[in-house]
Amino acid sequence: MLAWQQWGEGKPPAGMGMKGDKLVGDMYVKFDVGTEEKQTESLITDGLG
């Protein structure tokens, strides 16, 4: 849900031209990639990377 709120632009699955399960999969990937990037940036900033 958080990923959809950040990257879904408030559009329902039908408004994005895809089925709900496809939307969930895409949002899961975006969330995973976004979280990893933030963690990497944090580690570098804190001098742990």
C-alpha atoms as a PDB file:
ATOM      1  CA  MET A   1       0.000   0.000   0.000  1.00  0.00           C
ATOM      2  CA  LEU A   2       2.837   2.394   0.827  1.00  0.00           C
ATOM      3  CA  ALA A   3       4.472   1.835  -2.559  1.00  0.00           C
ATOM      4  CA  TRP A   4       1.181   2.488  -4.343  1.00  0.00           C
ATOM      5  CA  GLN A   5       0.762   5.713  -2.354  1.00  0.00           C
ATOM      6  CA  GLN A   6       4.267   6.854  -3.331  1.00  0.00           C
ATOM      7  CA  TRP A   7       4.443   5.710  -6.954  1.00  0.00           C
ATOM      8  CA  GLY A   8       0.892   4.820  -8.005  1.00  0.00           C
ATOM      9  CA  GLU A   9      -0.194   8.419  -8.581  1.00  0.00           C
ATOM     10  CA  GLY A  10      -3.524   7.593  -6.921  1.00  0.00           C
ATOM     11  CA  LYS A  11      -4.715   5.589  -9.913  1.00  0.00           C
ATOM     12  CA  PRO A  12      -6.651   2.329  -9.441  1.00  0.00           C
ATOM     13  CA  PRO A  13      -5.370  -0.764 -11.295  1.00  0.00           C
ATOM     14  CA  ALA A  14      -7.949  -0.290 -14.063  1.00  0.00           C
ATOM     15  CA  GLY A  15      -6.802   3.314 -14.500  1.00  0.00           C
ATOM     16  CA  MET A  16      -3.242   2.082 -14.945  1.00  0.00           C
ATOM     17  CA  GLY A  17      -4.290  -0.442 -17.578  1.00  0.00           C
ATOM     18  CA  MET A  18      -3.389  -3.567 -15.600  1.00  0.00           C
ATOM     19  CA  LYS A  19      -4.905  -6.235 -13.403  1.00  0.00           C
ATOM     20  CA  GLY A  20      -4.685  -5.879  -9.631  1.00  0.00           C
ATOM     21  CA  ASP A  21      -2.176  -8.696  -9.145  1.00  0.00           C
ATOM     22  CA  LYS A  22       0.162  -7.180 -11.745  1.00  0.00           C
ATOM     23  CA  LEU A  23      -0.090  -3.801 -10.014  1.00  0.00           C
ATOM     24  CA  VAL A  24       0.740  -5.381  -6.652  1.00  0.00           C
ATOM     25  CA  GLY A  25       3.787  -7.115  -8.145  1.00  0.00           C
ATOM     26  CA  ASP A  26       5.049  -3.927  -9.767  1.00  0.00           C
ATOM     27  CA  MET A  27       4.574  -1.935  -6.573  1.00  0.00           C
ATOM     28  CA  TYR A  28       6.360  -4.622  -4.537  1.00  0.00           C
ATOM     29  CA  VAL A  29       9.388  -4.356  -6.818  1.00  0.00           C
ATOM     30  CA  LYS A  30       9.397  -0.534  -6.683  1.00  0.00           C
ATOM     31  CA  PHE A  31       9.162  -0.629  -2.889  1.00  0.00           C
ATOM     32  CA  ASP A  32      11.987  -3.167  -2.629  1.00  0.00           C
ATOM     33  CA  VAL A  33      14.285  -1.192  -4.929  1.00  0.00           C
ATOM     34  CA  GLY A  34      13.403   2.131  -3.256  1.00  0.00           C
ATOM     35  CA  THR A  35      14.035   0.723   0.218  1.00  0.00           C
ATOM     36  CA  GLU A  36      17.389  -0.748  -0.804  1.00  0.00           C
ATOM     37  CA  GLU A  37      18.510   2.556  -2.340  1.00  0.00           C
ATOM     38  CA  LYS A  38      17.561   4.481   0.816  1.00  0.00           C
ATOM     39  CA  GLN A  39      19.422   2.002   3.022  1.00  0.00           C
ATOM     40  CA  THR A  40      22.515   2.210   0.828  1.00  0.00           C
ATOM     41  CA  GLU A  41      22.463   6.014   0.897  1.00  0.00           C
ATOM     42  CA  SER A  42      22.055   5.965   4.664  1.00  0.00           C
ATOM     43  CA  LEU A  43      24.997   3.612   5.141  1.00  0.00           C
ATOM     44  CA  ILE A  44      27.223   5.715   2.908  1.00  0.00           C
ATOM     45  CA  THR A  45      26.187   8.935   4.648  1.00  0.00           C
ATOM     46  CA  ASP A  46      26.844   7.420   8.066  1.00  0.00           C
ATOM     47  CA  GLY A  47      30.233   6.133   6.963  1.00  0.00           C
ATOM     48  CA  LEU A  48      29.334   2.476   7.221  1.00  0.00           C
ATOM     49  CA  GLY A  49      29.490   1.657   3.520  1.00  0.00           C
END
